[in-house]
Amino acid sequence: MSVAFVKEESAETAAETLLPDRPISPHPNLVTEAGLEQLKRQLEEAREAYQASSAIDDINERRRQAAGPLRDLRYLTERVRTAQIVPDPTDTEVVAFGHTVTFSREDGRVQTYRIVGEDEADPKAGSISYVSPVARQLVGKRVGDVVMAGGQELELLSITLQDVL
């Protein structure tokens, strides 16, 4: 609908409320069971935020407040729809999606991360995406293997089933 037919401040006001879609990854949307539950919670929160913005009387403010939740609704609806649950691994012979891995870097740092889906990855909280450079190098490897990632050698120290979170 043309802005000319709607009472609002200006065409710029309408344009600033049309946020671009969040990019959807070209990779398969692999998730843990917990990751799918997290996506569903975020989707419900976006629905609630959008519904709350619908109660705002001022049309310009309603559009501003609805823009973020509406964009999140589109993104999260697609991510929940395309989610592929990967069962937790059952052994620790070879690194796979869902494993927690500990490795050492050349500079002596030792790091531990769980390999998870893109939307649930949070390196600060101890999880990395299965498509991250480090995870891609470690998947399929065994304890003691050395790989190159980010210009550094990483030595795989352990593979475990438990969560680091």
C-alpha atoms as a PDB file:
ATOM      1  CA  MET A   1       0.000   0.000   0.000  1.00  0.00           C
ATOM      2  CA  SER A   2       1.269   3.459  -0.835  1.00  0.00           C
ATOM      3  CA  VAL A   3       2.354   5.656   2.037  1.00  0.00           C
ATOM      4  CA  ALA A   4       0.113   8.376   0.591  1.00  0.00           C
ATOM      5  CA  PHE A   5      -2.972   6.468   1.767  1.00  0.00           C
ATOM      6  CA  VAL A   6      -1.813   5.988   5.346  1.00  0.00           C
ATOM      7  CA  LYS A   7      -1.620   8.628   8.056  1.00  0.00           C
ATOM      8  CA  GLU A   8       2.027   8.835   9.034  1.00  0.00           C
ATOM      9  CA  GLU A   9       4.913  11.234   9.333  1.00  0.00           C
ATOM     10  CA  SER A  10       6.643  10.487   6.027  1.00  0.00           C
ATOM     11  CA  ALA A  11       7.716   7.884   3.529  1.00  0.00           C
ATOM     12  CA  GLU A  12      11.041   7.750   5.384  1.00  0.00           C
ATOM     13  CA  THR A  13       9.242   6.668   8.556  1.00  0.00           C
ATOM     14  CA  ALA A  14       7.636   3.766   6.718  1.00  0.00           C
ATOM     15  CA  ALA A  15      10.913   2.793   5.054  1.00  0.00           C
ATOM     16  CA  GLU A  16      12.846   2.749   8.323  1.00  0.00           C
ATOM     17  CA  THR A  17      10.468   0.132   9.730  1.00  0.00           C
ATOM     18  CA  LEU A  18      11.083  -2.332   6.891  1.00  0.00           C
ATOM     19  CA  LEU A  19      14.081  -4.237   8.187  1.00  0.00           C
ATOM     20  CA  PRO A  20      15.930  -6.560   5.829  1.00  0.00           C
ATOM     21  CA  ASP A  21      15.484 -10.266   6.480  1.00  0.00           C
ATOM     22  CA  ARG A  22      18.074 -12.023   8.597  1.00  0.00           C
ATOM     23  CA  PRO A  23      20.232 -14.123   6.274  1.00  0.00           C
ATOM     24  CA  ILE A  24      19.453 -17.840   6.174  1.00  0.00           C
ATOM     25  CA  SER A  25      22.522 -20.065   6.091  1.00  0.00           C
ATOM     26  CA  PRO A  26      23.046 -22.198   2.987  1.00  0.00           C
ATOM     27  CA  HIS A  27      24.162 -25.099   5.217  1.00  0.00           C
ATOM     28  CA  PRO A  28      21.795 -27.802   6.454  1.00  0.00           C
ATOM     29  CA  ASN A  29      20.021 -26.610   9.608  1.00  0.00           C
ATOM     30  CA  LEU A  30      21.397 -29.262  11.956  1.00  0.00           C
ATOM     31  CA  VAL A  31      20.361 -28.852  15.592  1.00  0.00           C
ATOM     32  CA  THR A  32      20.554 -30.678  18.895  1.00  0.00           C
ATOM     33  CA  GLU A  33      17.259 -31.380  20.673  1.00  0.00           C
ATOM     34  CA  ALA A  34      18.063 -28.522  23.053  1.00  0.00           C
ATOM     35  CA  GLY A  35      18.844 -26.291  20.067  1.00  0.00           C
ATOM     36  CA  LEU A  36      15.413 -26.933  18.541  1.00  0.00           C
ATOM     37  CA  GLU A  37      13.742 -26.146  21.875  1.00  0.00           C
ATOM     38  CA  GLN A  38      15.760 -22.921  22.044  1.00  0.00           C
ATOM     39  CA  LEU A  39      14.589 -21.940  18.539  1.00  0.00           C
ATOM     40  CA  LYS A  40      10.970 -22.642  19.507  1.00  0.00           C
ATOM     41  CA  ARG A  41      11.306 -20.475  22.651  1.00  0.00           C
ATOM     42  CA  GLN A  42      12.788 -17.637  20.606  1.00  0.00           C
ATOM     43  CA  LEU A  43       9.951 -17.974  18.081  1.00  0.00           C
ATOM     44  CA  GLU A  44       7.360 -17.734  20.860  1.00  0.00           C
ATOM     45  CA  GLU A  45       9.137 -14.672  22.314  1.00  0.00           C
ATOM     46  CA  ALA A  46       9.091 -13.018  18.878  1.00  0.00           C
ATOM     47  CA  ARG A  47       5.352 -13.764  18.559  1.00  0.00           C
ATOM     48  CA  GLU A  48       4.696 -12.216  21.961  1.00  0.00           C
ATOM     49  CA  ALA A  49       6.747  -9.119  21.130  1.00  0.00           C
ATOM     50  CA  TYR A  50       4.925  -8.714  17.815  1.00  0.00           C
ATOM     51  CA  GLN A  51       1.520  -9.085  19.499  1.00  0.00           C
ATOM     52  CA  ALA A  52       2.514  -6.520  22.135  1.00  0.00           C
ATOM     53  CA  SER A  53       3.510  -4.053  19.419  1.00  0.00           C
ATOM     54  CA  SER A  54       0.109  -4.506  17.749  1.00  0.00           C
ATOM     55  CA  ALA A  55      -1.551  -2.875  20.763  1.00  0.00           C
ATOM     56  CA  ILE A  56       0.297   0.424  20.254  1.00  0.00           C
ATOM     57  CA  ASP A  57      -2.081   3.154  19.078  1.00  0.00           C
ATOM     58  CA  ASP A  58       0.360   5.368  17.186  1.00  0.00           C
ATOM     59  CA  ILE A  59       0.868   3.756  13.763  1.00  0.00           C
ATOM     60  CA  ASN A  60       4.434   5.021  13.375  1.00  0.00           C
ATOM     61  CA  GLU A  61       5.477   3.747  16.793  1.00  0.00           C
ATOM     62  CA  ARG A  62       3.630   0.449  16.186  1.00  0.00           C
ATOM     63  CA  ARG A  63       5.606  -0.067  12.967  1.00  0.00           C
ATOM     64  CA  ARG A  64       8.894   0.759  14.676  1.00  0.00           C
ATOM     65  CA  GLN A  65       8.184  -1.601  17.570  1.00  0.00           C
ATOM     66  CA  ALA A  66       6.919  -4.405  15.286  1.00  0.00           C
ATOM     67  CA  ALA A  67       9.802  -4.299  12.790  1.00  0.00           C
ATOM     68  CA  GLY A  68      12.308  -6.365  14.799  1.00  0.00           C
ATOM     69  CA  PRO A  69       9.859  -9.005  16.045  1.00  0.00           C
ATOM     70  CA  LEU A  70       8.359  -9.375  12.555  1.00  0.00           C
ATOM     71  CA  ARG A  71      11.790  -9.938  11.032  1.00  0.00           C
ATOM     72  CA  ASP A  72      12.616 -12.446  13.807  1.00  0.00           C
ATOM     73  CA  LEU A  73       9.294 -14.246  13.219  1.00  0.00           C
ATOM     74  CA  ARG A  74      10.157 -14.778   9.552  1.00  0.00           C
ATOM     75  CA  TYR A  75      13.664 -16.010  10.361  1.00  0.00           C
ATOM     76  CA  LEU A  76      12.746 -18.260  13.282  1.00  0.00           C
ATOM     77  CA  THR A  77       9.728 -19.755  11.533  1.00  0.00           C
ATOM     78  CA  GLU A  78      12.016 -20.853   8.691  1.00  0.00           C
ATOM     79  CA  ARG A  79      14.704 -22.167  11.053  1.00  0.00           C
ATOM     80  CA  VAL A  80      12.203 -24.232  13.056  1.00  0.00           C
ATOM     81  CA  ARG A  81      10.630 -25.516   9.825  1.00  0.00           C
ATOM     82  CA  THR A  82      13.975 -26.642   8.386  1.00  0.00           C
ATOM     83  CA  ALA A  83      15.563 -27.925  11.610  1.00  0.00           C
ATOM     84  CA  GLN A  84      17.078 -31.405  11.390  1.00  0.00           C
ATOM     85  CA  ILE A  85      17.621 -32.931  14.824  1.00  0.00           C
ATOM     86  CA  VAL A  86      20.920 -34.777  15.090  1.00  0.00           C
ATOM     87  CA  PRO A  87      20.833 -37.439  17.820  1.00  0.00           C
ATOM     88  CA  ASP A  88      23.460 -37.117  20.540  1.00  0.00           C
ATOM     89  CA  PRO A  89      26.573 -39.159  19.739  1.00  0.00           C
ATOM     90  CA  THR A  90      26.888 -42.460  21.571  1.00  0.00           C
ATOM     91  CA  ASP A  91      30.655 -42.988  21.509  1.00  0.00           C
ATOM     92  CA  THR A  92      33.804 -40.901  21.713  1.00  0.00           C
ATOM     93  CA  GLU A  93      36.030 -42.543  19.102  1.00  0.00           C
ATOM     94  CA  VAL A  94      35.718 -39.864  16.411  1.00  0.00           C
ATOM     95  CA  VAL A  95      34.605 -36.217  16.714  1.00  0.00           C
ATOM     96  CA  ALA A  96      31.010 -35.681  15.541  1.00  0.00           C
ATOM     97  CA  PHE A  97      28.172 -33.182  15.864  1.00  0.00           C
ATOM     98  CA  GLY A  98      27.162 -32.951  19.529  1.00  0.00           C
ATOM     99  CA  HIS A  99      30.534 -33.925  20.991  1.00  0.00           C
ATOM    100  CA  THR A 100      32.430 -31.766  23.421  1.00  0.00           C
ATOM    101  CA  VAL A 101      36.041 -31.472  22.317  1.00  0.00           C
ATOM    102  CA  THR A 102      39.124 -30.214  24.108  1.00  0.00           C
ATOM    103  CA  PHE A 103      42.171 -29.162  22.107  1.00  0.00           C
ATOM    104  CA  SER A 104      45.413 -27.320  22.668  1.00  0.00           C
ATOM    105  CA  ARG A 105      46.785 -24.547  20.508  1.00  0.00           C
ATOM    106  CA  GLU A 106      50.418 -23.877  19.607  1.00  0.00           C
ATOM    107  CA  ASP A 107      50.495 -20.982  22.067  1.00  0.00           C
ATOM    108  CA  GLY A 108      49.650 -23.331  24.950  1.00  0.00           C
ATOM    109  CA  ARG A 109      45.983 -22.388  25.351  1.00  0.00           C
ATOM    110  CA  VAL A 110      43.603 -25.270  25.975  1.00  0.00           C
ATOM    111  CA  GLN A 111      40.005 -24.776  24.826  1.00  0.00           C
ATOM    112  CA  THR A 112      36.856 -26.840  25.192  1.00  0.00           C
ATOM    113  CA  TYR A 113      33.774 -26.485  22.991  1.00  0.00           C
ATOM    114  CA  ARG A 114      30.640 -28.439  22.170  1.00  0.00           C
ATOM    115  CA  ILE A 115      29.933 -28.748  18.434  1.00  0.00           C
ATOM    116  CA  VAL A 116      26.331 -27.688  17.784  1.00  0.00           C
ATOM    117  CA  GLY A 117      24.055 -26.067  15.194  1.00  0.00           C
ATOM    118  CA  GLU A 118      24.580 -22.574  13.841  1.00  0.00           C
ATOM    119  CA  ASP A 119      21.755 -20.913  15.786  1.00  0.00           C
ATOM    120  CA  GLU A 120      22.754 -22.454  19.117  1.00  0.00           C
ATOM    121  CA  ALA A 121      26.492 -21.748  18.841  1.00  0.00           C
ATOM    122  CA  ASP A 122      27.910 -19.362  21.435  1.00  0.00           C
ATOM    123  CA  PRO A 123      31.714 -19.544  21.743  1.00  0.00           C
ATOM    124  CA  LYS A 124      31.713 -17.475  24.946  1.00  0.00           C
ATOM    125  CA  ALA A 125      29.383 -20.062  26.510  1.00  0.00           C
ATOM    126  CA  GLY A 126      31.410 -23.029  25.239  1.00  0.00           C
ATOM    127  CA  SER A 127      29.763 -24.039  21.972  1.00  0.00           C
ATOM    128  CA  ILE A 128      30.762 -23.611  18.328  1.00  0.00           C
ATOM    129  CA  SER A 129      28.897 -24.176  15.098  1.00  0.00           C
ATOM    130  CA  TYR A 130      29.547 -27.340  13.154  1.00  0.00           C
ATOM    131  CA  VAL A 131      30.381 -25.138  10.137  1.00  0.00           C
ATOM    132  CA  SER A 132      33.002 -23.086  11.998  1.00  0.00           C
ATOM    133  CA  PRO A 133      36.569 -23.531  10.719  1.00  0.00           C
ATOM    134  CA  VAL A 134      37.721 -25.249  13.926  1.00  0.00           C
ATOM    135  CA  ALA A 135      34.773 -27.665  14.038  1.00  0.00           C
ATOM    136  CA  ARG A 136      35.120 -28.528  10.345  1.00  0.00           C
ATOM    137  CA  GLN A 137      38.772 -29.445  10.912  1.00  0.00           C
ATOM    138  CA  LEU A 138      38.040 -31.522  14.024  1.00  0.00           C
ATOM    139  CA  VAL A 139      35.003 -33.510  12.839  1.00  0.00           C
ATOM    140  CA  GLY A 140      36.124 -37.027  11.936  1.00  0.00           C
ATOM    141  CA  LYS A 141      39.360 -36.787  13.941  1.00  0.00           C
ATOM    142  CA  ARG A 142      40.540 -38.870  16.915  1.00  0.00           C
ATOM    143  CA  VAL A 143      42.278 -37.936  20.165  1.00  0.00           C
ATOM    144  CA  GLY A 144      45.919 -37.141  19.407  1.00  0.00           C
ATOM    145  CA  ASP A 145      45.252 -35.927  15.854  1.00  0.00           C
ATOM    146  CA  VAL A 146      46.701 -32.549  14.890  1.00  0.00           C
ATOM    147  CA  VAL A 147      44.865 -30.210  12.489  1.00  0.00           C
ATOM    148  CA  MET A 148      45.445 -26.736  11.095  1.00  0.00           C
ATOM    149  CA  ALA A 149      42.841 -24.052  11.787  1.00  0.00           C
ATOM    150  CA  GLY A 150      43.299 -20.298  11.703  1.00  0.00           C
ATOM    151  CA  GLY A 151      46.973 -20.667  10.857  1.00  0.00           C
ATOM    152  CA  GLN A 152      47.648 -22.668  14.027  1.00  0.00           C
ATOM    153  CA  GLU A 153      48.093 -26.314  14.832  1.00  0.00           C
ATOM    154  CA  LEU A 154      45.434 -27.730  17.124  1.00  0.00           C
ATOM    155  CA  GLU A 155      45.962 -31.020  18.934  1.00  0.00           C
ATOM    156  CA  LEU A 156      42.800 -32.891  19.888  1.00  0.00           C
ATOM    157  CA  LEU A 157      43.090 -33.807  23.580  1.00  0.00           C
ATOM    158  CA  SER A 158      39.684 -35.303  24.379  1.00  0.00           C
ATOM    159  CA  ILE A 159      36.237 -36.130  23.015  1.00  0.00           C
ATOM    160  CA  THR A 160      33.394 -36.325  25.511  1.00  0.00           C
ATOM    161  CA  LEU A 161      29.637 -36.734  25.480  1.00  0.00           C
ATOM    162  CA  GLN A 162      28.736 -34.281  28.221  1.00  0.00           C
ATOM    163  CA  ASP A 163      27.819 -30.664  27.716  1.00  0.00           C
ATOM    164  CA  VAL A 164      30.294 -27.963  28.780  1.00  0.00           C
ATOM    165  CA  LEU A 165      27.481 -25.489  29.371  1.00  0.00           C
END
